[in-house]
């Protein structure tokens, strides 16, 4: 079977990188709307074929959700890396900020997708599903430092509060002149305020 280089033929430039195609796709979606942008339009604007697009993302929704999935994986990894005995609210705050830092460092347009999530109803079911996974990672970690009470609402309450802080920080970033470092500082500061309010409840439940 011919390699992708051979298939391009002599003299043809290499295909755009995954990151470059992601930037093109997000730019088109922000300009024209998520629903109006087709895979063919993205491929043409990026100078690639459909095969390359699907190899990078799997589907059009993959442009939005694959980086979100990676962020959830980073969040889970950061939580697992927390040392035993670390204050639970500190562990949650540090994991959220650390995974977000990894995400915004991984892509120049990672944050821009949240403008689409706020403005395009067709993306809301996927957004709900992914935020539930994100919150679930936090709640599962907090349950490990709580008694095995299936009716205990505190871990999910903390996770929901962190989600609210995250969304508020993202919306503030969209409407401000803050750079990515400014977003991370604001996220860390607001998470500390909110998580600290839950500290007494978590302290009562900590093993």
N, C-alpha and C. Protein backbone atom coordinates (compact mmCIF):
# COMPACT_ATOMS: atom_id res chain seq x y z
N UNK A 1 0.85 -1.19 0.00
CA UNK A 1 0.00 0.00 0.00
C UNK A 1 0.89 1.24 0.00
N UNK A 2 0.51 2.23 -0.80
CA UNK A 2 1.31 3.45 -0.88
C UNK A 2 1.21 4.21 0.42
N UNK A 3 2.31 4.83 0.82
CA UNK A 3 2.30 5.68 2.01
C UNK A 3 1.55 6.95 1.70
N UNK A 4 1.21 7.72 2.78
CA UNK A 4 0.51 8.99 2.55
C UNK A 4 1.39 9.94 1.76
N UNK A 5 2.72 9.87 1.98
CA UNK A 5 3.62 10.73 1.21
C UNK A 5 3.58 10.37 -0.26
N UNK A 6 3.59 9.03 -0.56
CA UNK A 6 3.54 8.61 -1.95
C UNK A 6 2.22 9.01 -2.58
N UNK A 7 1.10 8.89 -1.79
CA UNK A 7 -0.21 9.21 -2.33
C UNK A 7 -0.32 10.67 -2.70
N UNK A 8 0.44 11.52 -2.00
CA UNK A 8 0.37 12.96 -2.32
C UNK A 8 0.99 13.24 -3.68
N UNK A 9 1.94 12.42 -4.05
CA UNK A 9 2.61 12.68 -5.33
C UNK A 9 3.78 13.60 -5.13
N UNK A 10 4.70 13.59 -6.09
CA UNK A 10 5.89 14.43 -5.97
C UNK A 10 5.55 15.91 -6.01
N UNK A 11 6.21 16.65 -5.14
CA UNK A 11 6.05 18.10 -5.16
C UNK A 11 4.87 18.63 -4.39
N UNK A 12 3.99 17.76 -3.89
CA UNK A 12 2.83 18.23 -3.14
C UNK A 12 3.24 18.49 -1.70
N UNK A 13 2.75 19.58 -1.09
CA UNK A 13 3.13 19.89 0.30
C UNK A 13 2.54 18.87 1.25
N UNK A 14 3.16 18.66 2.41
CA UNK A 14 2.60 17.75 3.41
C UNK A 14 1.28 18.27 3.94
N UNK A 15 0.47 17.33 4.42
CA UNK A 15 -0.83 17.72 4.99
C UNK A 15 -0.64 18.60 6.21
N UNK A 16 -1.60 19.50 6.43
CA UNK A 16 -1.56 20.36 7.60
C UNK A 16 -1.61 19.51 8.86
N UNK A 17 -1.00 19.98 9.92
CA UNK A 17 -0.99 19.25 11.17
C UNK A 17 -2.38 19.23 11.79
N UNK A 18 -2.57 18.33 12.75
CA UNK A 18 -3.84 18.26 13.46
C UNK A 18 -4.16 19.58 14.13
N UNK A 19 -3.16 20.19 14.74
CA UNK A 19 -3.37 21.47 15.42
C UNK A 19 -3.79 22.56 14.45
N UNK A 20 -3.18 22.57 13.26
CA UNK A 20 -3.52 23.58 12.26
C UNK A 20 -4.95 23.39 11.76
N UNK A 21 -5.35 22.13 11.56
CA UNK A 21 -6.72 21.86 11.10
C UNK A 21 -7.72 22.24 12.19
N UNK A 22 -7.37 21.97 13.45
CA UNK A 22 -8.26 22.36 14.55
C UNK A 22 -8.47 23.87 14.56
N UNK A 23 -7.41 24.63 14.36
CA UNK A 23 -7.53 26.08 14.32
C UNK A 23 -8.43 26.53 13.18
N UNK A 24 -8.25 25.94 12.01
CA UNK A 24 -9.10 26.29 10.87
C UNK A 24 -10.56 25.97 11.17
N UNK A 25 -10.80 24.77 11.71
CA UNK A 25 -12.17 24.35 11.99
C UNK A 25 -12.85 25.27 13.00
N UNK A 26 -12.15 25.58 14.10
CA UNK A 26 -12.74 26.46 15.11
C UNK A 26 -13.00 27.85 14.55
N UNK A 27 -12.10 28.36 13.73
CA UNK A 27 -12.28 29.68 13.14
C UNK A 27 -13.53 29.71 12.25
N UNK A 28 -13.70 28.68 11.44
CA UNK A 28 -14.88 28.62 10.58
C UNK A 28 -16.16 28.50 11.41
N UNK A 29 -16.13 27.67 12.44
CA UNK A 29 -17.32 27.47 13.26
C UNK A 29 -17.70 28.73 14.02
N UNK A 30 -16.70 29.46 14.52
CA UNK A 30 -16.99 30.72 15.21
C UNK A 30 -17.52 31.77 14.25
N UNK A 31 -17.05 31.75 13.02
CA UNK A 31 -17.50 32.74 12.03
C UNK A 31 -18.87 32.41 11.46
N UNK A 32 -19.08 31.13 11.09
CA UNK A 32 -20.28 30.76 10.35
C UNK A 32 -21.30 29.99 11.17
N UNK A 33 -20.91 29.54 12.35
CA UNK A 33 -21.79 28.71 13.16
C UNK A 33 -21.45 27.24 13.01
N UNK A 34 -21.55 26.51 14.10
CA UNK A 34 -21.16 25.10 14.09
C UNK A 34 -21.95 24.31 13.06
N UNK A 35 -23.27 24.49 13.03
CA UNK A 35 -24.11 23.68 12.16
C UNK A 35 -23.86 23.96 10.68
N UNK A 36 -23.44 25.17 10.35
CA UNK A 36 -23.28 25.55 8.95
C UNK A 36 -21.96 25.05 8.35
N UNK A 37 -21.02 24.67 9.18
CA UNK A 37 -19.69 24.27 8.69
C UNK A 37 -19.66 22.77 8.45
N UNK A 38 -19.25 22.37 7.27
CA UNK A 38 -19.18 20.95 6.92
C UNK A 38 -17.74 20.45 6.99
N UNK A 39 -17.60 19.15 7.03
CA UNK A 39 -16.27 18.55 6.98
C UNK A 39 -15.56 18.94 5.69
N UNK A 40 -16.30 18.96 4.58
CA UNK A 40 -15.69 19.34 3.31
C UNK A 40 -15.16 20.77 3.36
N UNK A 41 -15.91 21.67 4.00
CA UNK A 41 -15.47 23.06 4.09
C UNK A 41 -14.20 23.17 4.93
N UNK A 42 -14.14 22.42 6.03
CA UNK A 42 -12.94 22.43 6.87
C UNK A 42 -11.75 21.88 6.10
N UNK A 43 -11.96 20.76 5.45
CA UNK A 43 -10.87 20.12 4.70
C UNK A 43 -10.35 21.04 3.61
N UNK A 44 -11.26 21.68 2.90
CA UNK A 44 -10.85 22.57 1.82
C UNK A 44 -10.08 23.76 2.36
N UNK A 45 -10.57 24.36 3.45
CA UNK A 45 -9.90 25.53 4.02
C UNK A 45 -8.53 25.17 4.59
N UNK A 46 -8.40 23.94 5.09
CA UNK A 46 -7.13 23.51 5.68
C UNK A 46 -6.18 22.92 4.65
N UNK A 47 -6.69 22.69 3.45
CA UNK A 47 -5.84 22.12 2.42
C UNK A 47 -5.53 20.65 2.62
N UNK A 48 -6.51 19.90 3.14
CA UNK A 48 -6.34 18.47 3.37
C UNK A 48 -7.49 17.72 2.72
N UNK A 49 -7.39 16.40 2.67
CA UNK A 49 -8.48 15.58 2.20
C UNK A 49 -9.36 15.11 3.34
N UNK A 50 -10.53 14.58 2.99
CA UNK A 50 -11.45 14.07 4.01
C UNK A 50 -10.81 12.95 4.82
N UNK A 51 -10.00 12.12 4.16
CA UNK A 51 -9.36 11.01 4.87
C UNK A 51 -8.49 11.52 6.00
N UNK A 52 -7.72 12.56 5.72
CA UNK A 52 -6.85 13.13 6.76
C UNK A 52 -7.68 13.72 7.88
N UNK A 53 -8.77 14.41 7.53
CA UNK A 53 -9.62 14.99 8.57
C UNK A 53 -10.14 13.90 9.50
N UNK A 54 -10.68 12.83 8.92
CA UNK A 54 -11.25 11.78 9.76
C UNK A 54 -10.18 11.02 10.53
N UNK A 55 -8.98 10.96 10.01
CA UNK A 55 -7.89 10.35 10.76
C UNK A 55 -7.55 11.20 11.99
N UNK A 56 -7.63 12.51 11.86
CA UNK A 56 -7.33 13.39 12.98
C UNK A 56 -8.43 13.39 14.03
N UNK A 57 -9.71 13.48 13.59
CA UNK A 57 -10.79 13.77 14.54
C UNK A 57 -11.89 12.72 14.59
N UNK A 58 -11.98 11.87 13.60
CA UNK A 58 -13.02 10.85 13.60
C UNK A 58 -14.36 11.33 13.08
N UNK A 59 -14.72 12.56 13.38
CA UNK A 59 -15.99 13.14 12.97
C UNK A 59 -15.93 14.64 13.18
N UNK A 60 -16.93 15.35 12.67
CA UNK A 60 -16.97 16.79 12.94
C UNK A 60 -17.09 17.10 14.43
N UNK A 61 -17.98 16.42 15.17
CA UNK A 61 -18.02 16.68 16.62
C UNK A 61 -16.69 16.41 17.32
N UNK A 62 -15.87 15.55 16.74
CA UNK A 62 -14.58 15.26 17.35
C UNK A 62 -13.69 16.47 17.48
N UNK A 63 -13.88 17.46 16.60
CA UNK A 63 -13.11 18.71 16.70
C UNK A 63 -13.39 19.39 18.04
N UNK A 64 -14.63 19.28 18.49
CA UNK A 64 -15.04 19.91 19.76
C UNK A 64 -14.70 19.03 20.94
N UNK A 65 -15.02 17.74 20.84
CA UNK A 65 -15.02 16.89 22.04
C UNK A 65 -13.72 16.18 22.32
N UNK A 66 -12.92 15.87 21.30
CA UNK A 66 -11.66 15.15 21.57
C UNK A 66 -10.76 15.91 22.55
N UNK A 67 -10.56 17.23 22.38
CA UNK A 67 -9.74 17.95 23.36
C UNK A 67 -10.39 18.01 24.75
N UNK A 68 -11.73 18.02 24.80
CA UNK A 68 -12.43 18.01 26.08
C UNK A 68 -12.18 16.67 26.77
N UNK A 69 -12.24 15.57 26.01
CA UNK A 69 -11.96 14.25 26.58
C UNK A 69 -10.54 14.20 27.15
N UNK A 70 -9.60 14.78 26.41
CA UNK A 70 -8.21 14.80 26.89
C UNK A 70 -8.10 15.57 28.20
N UNK A 71 -8.86 16.66 28.32
CA UNK A 71 -8.83 17.45 29.55
C UNK A 71 -9.35 16.64 30.74
N UNK A 72 -10.40 15.86 30.51
CA UNK A 72 -10.92 15.01 31.58
C UNK A 72 -9.89 13.97 31.99
N UNK A 73 -9.18 13.41 31.02
CA UNK A 73 -8.12 12.45 31.33
C UNK A 73 -7.02 13.11 32.16
N UNK A 74 -6.63 14.33 31.79
CA UNK A 74 -5.61 15.04 32.57
C UNK A 74 -6.11 15.31 33.98
N UNK A 75 -7.39 15.65 34.12
CA UNK A 75 -7.97 15.90 35.43
C UNK A 75 -7.88 14.64 36.29
N UNK A 76 -8.26 13.50 35.71
CA UNK A 76 -8.22 12.24 36.46
C UNK A 76 -6.79 11.87 36.84
N UNK A 77 -5.86 12.09 35.92
CA UNK A 77 -4.45 11.79 36.22
C UNK A 77 -3.93 12.67 37.36
N UNK A 78 -4.30 13.94 37.33
CA UNK A 78 -3.85 14.85 38.37
C UNK A 78 -4.43 14.47 39.73
N UNK A 79 -5.67 14.04 39.75
CA UNK A 79 -6.28 13.61 41.01
C UNK A 79 -5.61 12.34 41.54
N UNK A 80 -5.30 11.41 40.64
CA UNK A 80 -4.63 10.18 41.07
C UNK A 80 -3.23 10.45 41.60
N UNK A 81 -2.61 11.52 41.10
CA UNK A 81 -1.24 11.84 41.51
C UNK A 81 -1.17 12.56 42.85
N UNK A 82 -2.32 12.96 43.40
CA UNK A 82 -2.32 13.65 44.68
C UNK A 82 -1.82 12.73 45.78
N UNK A 83 -0.99 13.27 46.65
CA UNK A 83 -0.42 12.48 47.74
C UNK A 83 -1.48 12.17 48.80
N UNK A 84 -1.42 10.99 49.42
CA UNK A 84 -2.36 10.66 50.50
C UNK A 84 -2.27 11.68 51.62
N UNK A 85 -3.42 12.01 52.16
CA UNK A 85 -3.45 12.94 53.28
C UNK A 85 -3.55 14.39 52.89
N UNK A 86 -3.46 14.70 51.58
CA UNK A 86 -3.59 16.09 51.14
C UNK A 86 -5.02 16.55 51.38
N UNK A 87 -5.15 17.78 51.83
CA UNK A 87 -6.47 18.35 52.06
C UNK A 87 -7.33 18.17 50.81
N UNK A 88 -8.54 17.62 50.93
CA UNK A 88 -9.32 17.29 49.73
C UNK A 88 -9.68 18.49 48.87
N UNK A 89 -10.00 19.63 49.47
CA UNK A 89 -10.35 20.79 48.64
C UNK A 89 -9.12 21.33 47.92
N UNK A 90 -7.98 21.25 48.56
CA UNK A 90 -6.74 21.65 47.88
C UNK A 90 -6.45 20.72 46.72
N UNK A 91 -6.64 19.43 46.94
CA UNK A 91 -6.39 18.46 45.87
C UNK A 91 -7.29 18.72 44.67
N UNK A 92 -8.54 19.00 44.91
CA UNK A 92 -9.48 19.28 43.82
C UNK A 92 -9.09 20.55 43.08
N UNK A 93 -8.82 21.59 43.83
CA UNK A 93 -8.44 22.87 43.19
C UNK A 93 -7.19 22.72 42.35
N UNK A 94 -6.17 22.08 42.90
CA UNK A 94 -4.92 21.93 42.17
C UNK A 94 -5.10 21.07 40.92
N UNK A 95 -5.94 20.04 41.01
CA UNK A 95 -6.17 19.17 39.87
C UNK A 95 -6.91 19.91 38.75
N UNK A 96 -7.90 20.71 39.11
CA UNK A 96 -8.65 21.45 38.10
C UNK A 96 -7.74 22.46 37.40
N UNK A 97 -6.97 23.19 38.17
CA UNK A 97 -6.09 24.20 37.57
C UNK A 97 -5.00 23.55 36.74
N UNK A 98 -4.43 22.47 37.26
CA UNK A 98 -3.35 21.78 36.55
C UNK A 98 -3.84 21.21 35.22
N UNK A 99 -5.00 20.56 35.22
CA UNK A 99 -5.52 19.97 33.98
C UNK A 99 -5.91 21.06 32.99
N UNK A 100 -6.40 22.18 33.48
CA UNK A 100 -6.75 23.29 32.58
C UNK A 100 -5.49 23.91 31.98
N UNK A 101 -4.45 24.01 32.79
CA UNK A 101 -3.18 24.54 32.27
C UNK A 101 -2.65 23.63 31.16
N UNK A 102 -2.73 22.32 31.36
CA UNK A 102 -2.29 21.38 30.33
C UNK A 102 -3.13 21.54 29.07
N UNK A 103 -4.42 21.75 29.25
CA UNK A 103 -5.32 21.87 28.09
C UNK A 103 -5.03 23.13 27.28
N UNK A 104 -4.91 24.28 27.94
CA UNK A 104 -4.70 25.51 27.20
C UNK A 104 -3.30 25.56 26.60
N UNK A 105 -2.39 24.80 27.17
CA UNK A 105 -1.04 24.73 26.60
C UNK A 105 -0.98 23.80 25.40
N UNK A 106 -1.96 22.92 25.29
CA UNK A 106 -1.94 21.92 24.22
C UNK A 106 -2.49 22.44 22.91
N UNK A 107 -3.24 23.54 22.96
CA UNK A 107 -3.90 24.04 21.76
C UNK A 107 -4.12 25.54 21.87
N UNK A 108 -3.85 26.24 20.77
CA UNK A 108 -4.07 27.69 20.76
C UNK A 108 -5.55 28.05 20.73
N UNK A 109 -6.41 27.08 20.42
CA UNK A 109 -7.84 27.36 20.33
C UNK A 109 -8.67 26.50 21.29
N UNK A 110 -8.00 25.94 22.32
CA UNK A 110 -8.75 25.10 23.25
C UNK A 110 -9.88 25.89 23.90
N UNK A 111 -9.63 27.11 24.30
CA UNK A 111 -10.65 27.90 24.99
C UNK A 111 -11.77 28.35 24.06
N UNK A 112 -11.46 28.59 22.79
CA UNK A 112 -12.44 29.13 21.88
C UNK A 112 -13.65 28.22 21.69
N UNK A 113 -13.46 26.91 21.90
CA UNK A 113 -14.59 26.00 21.70
C UNK A 113 -15.71 26.30 22.68
N UNK A 114 -15.40 26.90 23.84
CA UNK A 114 -16.45 27.18 24.81
C UNK A 114 -17.35 28.33 24.38
N UNK A 115 -16.88 29.18 23.49
CA UNK A 115 -17.76 30.16 22.88
C UNK A 115 -18.83 29.47 22.04
N UNK A 116 -18.45 28.40 21.36
CA UNK A 116 -19.41 27.63 20.58
C UNK A 116 -20.41 26.93 21.50
N UNK A 117 -19.92 26.37 22.60
CA UNK A 117 -20.81 25.66 23.51
C UNK A 117 -21.86 26.59 24.10
N UNK A 118 -21.51 27.85 24.27
CA UNK A 118 -22.44 28.81 24.86
C UNK A 118 -23.45 29.35 23.85
N UNK A 119 -23.18 29.19 22.57
CA UNK A 119 -24.01 29.86 21.57
C UNK A 119 -24.71 28.94 20.58
N UNK A 120 -24.41 27.65 20.60
CA UNK A 120 -25.01 26.75 19.61
C UNK A 120 -25.76 25.62 20.31
N UNK A 121 -27.11 25.65 20.24
CA UNK A 121 -27.92 24.66 20.95
C UNK A 121 -27.61 23.21 20.57
N UNK A 122 -27.20 22.98 19.33
CA UNK A 122 -26.95 21.60 18.91
C UNK A 122 -25.78 20.96 19.66
N UNK A 123 -24.94 21.77 20.29
CA UNK A 123 -23.80 21.26 21.04
C UNK A 123 -24.13 21.01 22.52
N UNK A 124 -25.28 21.46 22.96
CA UNK A 124 -25.58 21.39 24.39
C UNK A 124 -25.70 19.97 24.94
N UNK A 125 -26.31 19.02 24.21
CA UNK A 125 -26.34 17.65 24.75
C UNK A 125 -24.93 17.09 24.96
N UNK A 126 -24.04 17.32 24.01
CA UNK A 126 -22.67 16.85 24.17
C UNK A 126 -21.96 17.56 25.31
N UNK A 127 -22.24 18.86 25.45
CA UNK A 127 -21.62 19.62 26.54
C UNK A 127 -22.08 19.07 27.90
N UNK A 128 -23.37 18.78 28.01
CA UNK A 128 -23.89 18.23 29.27
C UNK A 128 -23.20 16.91 29.60
N UNK A 129 -23.09 16.04 28.59
CA UNK A 129 -22.46 14.73 28.82
C UNK A 129 -21.02 14.88 29.27
N UNK A 130 -20.27 15.79 28.63
CA UNK A 130 -18.86 15.94 28.97
C UNK A 130 -18.67 16.62 30.32
N UNK A 131 -19.50 17.60 30.64
CA UNK A 131 -19.38 18.23 31.95
C UNK A 131 -19.75 17.24 33.06
N UNK A 132 -20.69 16.34 32.79
CA UNK A 132 -21.03 15.32 33.79
C UNK A 132 -19.83 14.41 34.05
N UNK A 133 -19.10 14.05 33.02
CA UNK A 133 -17.90 13.24 33.21
C UNK A 133 -16.85 14.02 34.00
N UNK A 134 -16.71 15.30 33.70
CA UNK A 134 -15.75 16.16 34.39
C UNK A 134 -16.09 16.25 35.87
N UNK A 135 -17.37 16.51 36.16
CA UNK A 135 -17.80 16.59 37.56
C UNK A 135 -17.68 15.23 38.25
N UNK A 136 -17.97 14.18 37.50
CA UNK A 136 -17.88 12.84 38.07
C UNK A 136 -16.47 12.50 38.53
N UNK A 137 -15.47 12.97 37.79
CA UNK A 137 -14.08 12.71 38.19
C UNK A 137 -13.79 13.35 39.55
N UNK A 138 -14.28 14.57 39.76
CA UNK A 138 -14.07 15.25 41.04
C UNK A 138 -14.84 14.55 42.17
N UNK A 139 -16.10 14.23 41.90
CA UNK A 139 -16.92 13.60 42.94
C UNK A 139 -16.36 12.24 43.33
N UNK A 140 -15.90 11.47 42.34
CA UNK A 140 -15.34 10.15 42.66
C UNK A 140 -14.11 10.27 43.55
N UNK A 141 -13.27 11.27 43.27
CA UNK A 141 -12.10 11.46 44.11
C UNK A 141 -12.50 11.83 45.54
N UNK A 142 -13.47 12.72 45.66
CA UNK A 142 -13.86 13.15 47.00
C UNK A 142 -14.53 12.02 47.78
N UNK A 143 -15.19 11.13 47.10
CA UNK A 143 -15.82 10.00 47.79
C UNK A 143 -14.76 9.09 48.43
N UNK A 144 -13.58 9.10 47.87
CA UNK A 144 -12.51 8.26 48.42
C UNK A 144 -12.06 8.73 49.79
N UNK A 145 -12.33 10.01 50.10
CA UNK A 145 -11.96 10.52 51.42
C UNK A 145 -13.19 10.72 52.30
N UNK A 146 -14.31 10.10 51.89
CA UNK A 146 -15.55 10.21 52.64
C UNK A 146 -16.04 8.83 53.02
N UNK A 147 -16.87 8.72 54.02
CA UNK A 147 -17.45 7.43 54.37
C UNK A 147 -18.25 6.88 53.19
N UNK A 148 -18.37 5.56 53.08
CA UNK A 148 -19.09 4.96 51.94
C UNK A 148 -20.60 5.11 52.07
N UNK A 149 -21.07 6.32 51.98
CA UNK A 149 -22.50 6.60 52.11
C UNK A 149 -23.04 6.98 50.74
N UNK A 150 -23.83 6.12 50.09
CA UNK A 150 -24.29 6.41 48.73
C UNK A 150 -25.21 7.61 48.65
N UNK A 151 -25.77 8.02 49.79
CA UNK A 151 -26.67 9.17 49.79
C UNK A 151 -25.96 10.48 50.11
N UNK A 152 -24.65 10.42 50.31
CA UNK A 152 -23.90 11.61 50.66
C UNK A 152 -23.80 12.53 49.44
N UNK A 153 -24.36 13.71 49.55
CA UNK A 153 -24.42 14.63 48.41
C UNK A 153 -23.23 15.59 48.36
N UNK A 154 -22.39 15.58 49.39
CA UNK A 154 -21.34 16.58 49.47
C UNK A 154 -20.34 16.49 48.31
N UNK A 155 -19.81 15.30 47.96
CA UNK A 155 -18.87 15.25 46.84
C UNK A 155 -19.45 15.82 45.55
N UNK A 156 -20.70 15.48 45.22
CA UNK A 156 -21.29 16.01 43.99
C UNK A 156 -21.58 17.51 44.12
N UNK A 157 -21.89 17.96 45.33
CA UNK A 157 -22.13 19.39 45.52
C UNK A 157 -20.84 20.18 45.28
N UNK A 158 -19.72 19.66 45.77
CA UNK A 158 -18.44 20.32 45.53
C UNK A 158 -18.11 20.31 44.04
N UNK A 159 -18.32 19.17 43.39
CA UNK A 159 -18.05 19.07 41.95
C UNK A 159 -18.92 20.05 41.17
N UNK A 160 -20.18 20.16 41.55
CA UNK A 160 -21.07 21.11 40.87
C UNK A 160 -20.63 22.55 41.07
N UNK A 161 -20.17 22.86 42.28
CA UNK A 161 -19.68 24.21 42.55
C UNK A 161 -18.44 24.52 41.72
N UNK A 162 -17.54 23.54 41.61
CA UNK A 162 -16.34 23.74 40.79
C UNK A 162 -16.70 23.94 39.33
N UNK A 163 -17.70 23.21 38.87
CA UNK A 163 -18.17 23.40 37.49
C UNK A 163 -18.67 24.82 37.29
N UNK A 164 -19.45 25.31 38.26
CA UNK A 164 -19.95 26.68 38.15
C UNK A 164 -18.84 27.70 38.10
N UNK A 165 -17.81 27.50 38.92
CA UNK A 165 -16.65 28.40 38.91
C UNK A 165 -15.95 28.35 37.56
N UNK A 166 -15.78 27.15 37.03
CA UNK A 166 -15.09 26.97 35.75
C UNK A 166 -15.83 27.70 34.63
N UNK A 167 -17.13 27.47 34.55
CA UNK A 167 -17.92 28.12 33.49
C UNK A 167 -17.89 29.64 33.65
N UNK A 168 -18.00 30.12 34.88
CA UNK A 168 -17.95 31.56 35.11
C UNK A 168 -16.60 32.15 34.69
N UNK A 169 -15.51 31.44 34.98
CA UNK A 169 -14.19 31.91 34.59
C UNK A 169 -14.04 31.94 33.07
N UNK A 170 -14.58 30.93 32.39
CA UNK A 170 -14.52 30.90 30.93
C UNK A 170 -15.31 32.05 30.32
N UNK A 171 -16.49 32.32 30.86
CA UNK A 171 -17.31 33.41 30.32
C UNK A 171 -16.67 34.77 30.61
N UNK A 172 -16.05 34.90 31.77
CA UNK A 172 -15.33 36.14 32.06
C UNK A 172 -14.19 36.33 31.07
N UNK A 173 -13.47 35.25 30.77
CA UNK A 173 -12.36 35.33 29.82
C UNK A 173 -12.85 35.78 28.45
N UNK A 174 -14.01 35.26 28.02
CA UNK A 174 -14.54 35.62 26.71
C UNK A 174 -14.85 37.11 26.60
N UNK A 175 -15.19 37.74 27.72
CA UNK A 175 -15.63 39.14 27.71
C UNK A 175 -14.62 40.09 28.33
N UNK A 176 -13.37 39.64 28.46
CA UNK A 176 -12.35 40.47 29.07
C UNK A 176 -11.10 40.47 28.20
N UNK A 177 -10.11 41.22 28.64
CA UNK A 177 -8.83 41.26 27.95
C UNK A 177 -7.82 40.30 28.57
N UNK A 178 -8.28 39.44 29.47
CA UNK A 178 -7.36 38.50 30.13
C UNK A 178 -6.73 37.56 29.12
N UNK A 179 -5.45 37.26 29.31
CA UNK A 179 -4.82 36.22 28.52
C UNK A 179 -5.05 34.87 29.22
N UNK A 180 -4.43 33.83 28.71
CA UNK A 180 -4.65 32.51 29.30
C UNK A 180 -4.11 32.42 30.72
N UNK A 181 -3.00 33.08 30.99
CA UNK A 181 -2.47 33.08 32.35
C UNK A 181 -3.44 33.79 33.29
N UNK A 182 -4.07 34.85 32.78
CA UNK A 182 -5.06 35.56 33.60
C UNK A 182 -6.25 34.68 33.91
N UNK A 183 -6.68 33.89 32.93
CA UNK A 183 -7.77 32.95 33.18
C UNK A 183 -7.40 31.95 34.26
N UNK A 184 -6.20 31.39 34.18
CA UNK A 184 -5.77 30.40 35.16
C UNK A 184 -5.67 30.99 36.55
N UNK A 185 -5.17 32.22 36.65
CA UNK A 185 -5.10 32.86 37.97
C UNK A 185 -6.49 33.09 38.53
N UNK A 186 -7.40 33.55 37.70
CA UNK A 186 -8.76 33.81 38.16
C UNK A 186 -9.44 32.50 38.57
N UNK A 187 -9.24 31.46 37.77
CA UNK A 187 -9.82 30.16 38.10
C UNK A 187 -9.31 29.66 39.44
N UNK A 188 -8.01 29.75 39.65
CA UNK A 188 -7.41 29.28 40.90
C UNK A 188 -7.95 30.08 42.08
N UNK A 189 -8.03 31.39 41.94
CA UNK A 189 -8.50 32.26 43.02
C UNK A 189 -9.95 31.96 43.37
N UNK A 190 -10.81 31.84 42.35
CA UNK A 190 -12.24 31.61 42.61
C UNK A 190 -12.48 30.20 43.16
N UNK A 191 -11.71 29.24 42.66
CA UNK A 191 -11.86 27.88 43.21
C UNK A 191 -11.47 27.83 44.68
N UNK A 192 -10.42 28.55 45.04
CA UNK A 192 -10.00 28.58 46.44
C UNK A 192 -11.11 29.14 47.32
N UNK A 193 -11.75 30.21 46.85
CA UNK A 193 -12.83 30.81 47.63
C UNK A 193 -14.00 29.83 47.82
N UNK A 194 -14.41 29.22 46.71
CA UNK A 194 -15.59 28.36 46.77
C UNK A 194 -15.29 27.05 47.50
N UNK A 195 -14.16 26.42 47.16
CA UNK A 195 -13.84 25.15 47.81
C UNK A 195 -13.61 25.32 49.31
N UNK A 196 -13.06 26.46 49.69
CA UNK A 196 -12.83 26.69 51.12
C UNK A 196 -14.14 26.70 51.91
N UNK A 197 -15.21 27.13 51.24
CA UNK A 197 -16.51 27.14 51.91
C UNK A 197 -16.99 25.73 52.21
N UNK A 198 -16.55 24.76 51.43
CA UNK A 198 -16.94 23.37 51.65
C UNK A 198 -15.99 22.63 52.58
N UNK A 199 -14.86 23.24 52.89
CA UNK A 199 -13.83 22.55 53.68
C UNK A 199 -14.36 21.99 54.99
N UNK A 200 -15.16 22.73 55.77
CA UNK A 200 -15.66 22.16 57.03
C UNK A 200 -16.50 20.91 56.81
N UNK A 201 -17.34 20.90 55.77
CA UNK A 201 -18.16 19.73 55.50
C UNK A 201 -17.31 18.54 55.10
N UNK A 202 -16.32 18.78 54.24
CA UNK A 202 -15.43 17.69 53.83
C UNK A 202 -14.57 17.22 55.00
N UNK A 203 -14.20 18.17 55.87
CA UNK A 203 -13.40 17.80 57.04
C UNK A 203 -14.16 16.85 57.94
N UNK A 204 -15.47 17.10 58.07
CA UNK A 204 -16.28 16.22 58.90
C UNK A 204 -16.39 14.82 58.32
N UNK A 205 -16.23 14.74 56.95
CA UNK A 205 -16.43 13.44 56.30
C UNK A 205 -15.12 12.75 55.97
N UNK A 206 -14.00 13.46 56.18
CA UNK A 206 -12.72 12.87 55.79
C UNK A 206 -12.35 11.73 56.73
N UNK A 207 -11.80 10.68 56.14
CA UNK A 207 -11.39 9.54 56.96
C UNK A 207 -10.22 9.91 57.85
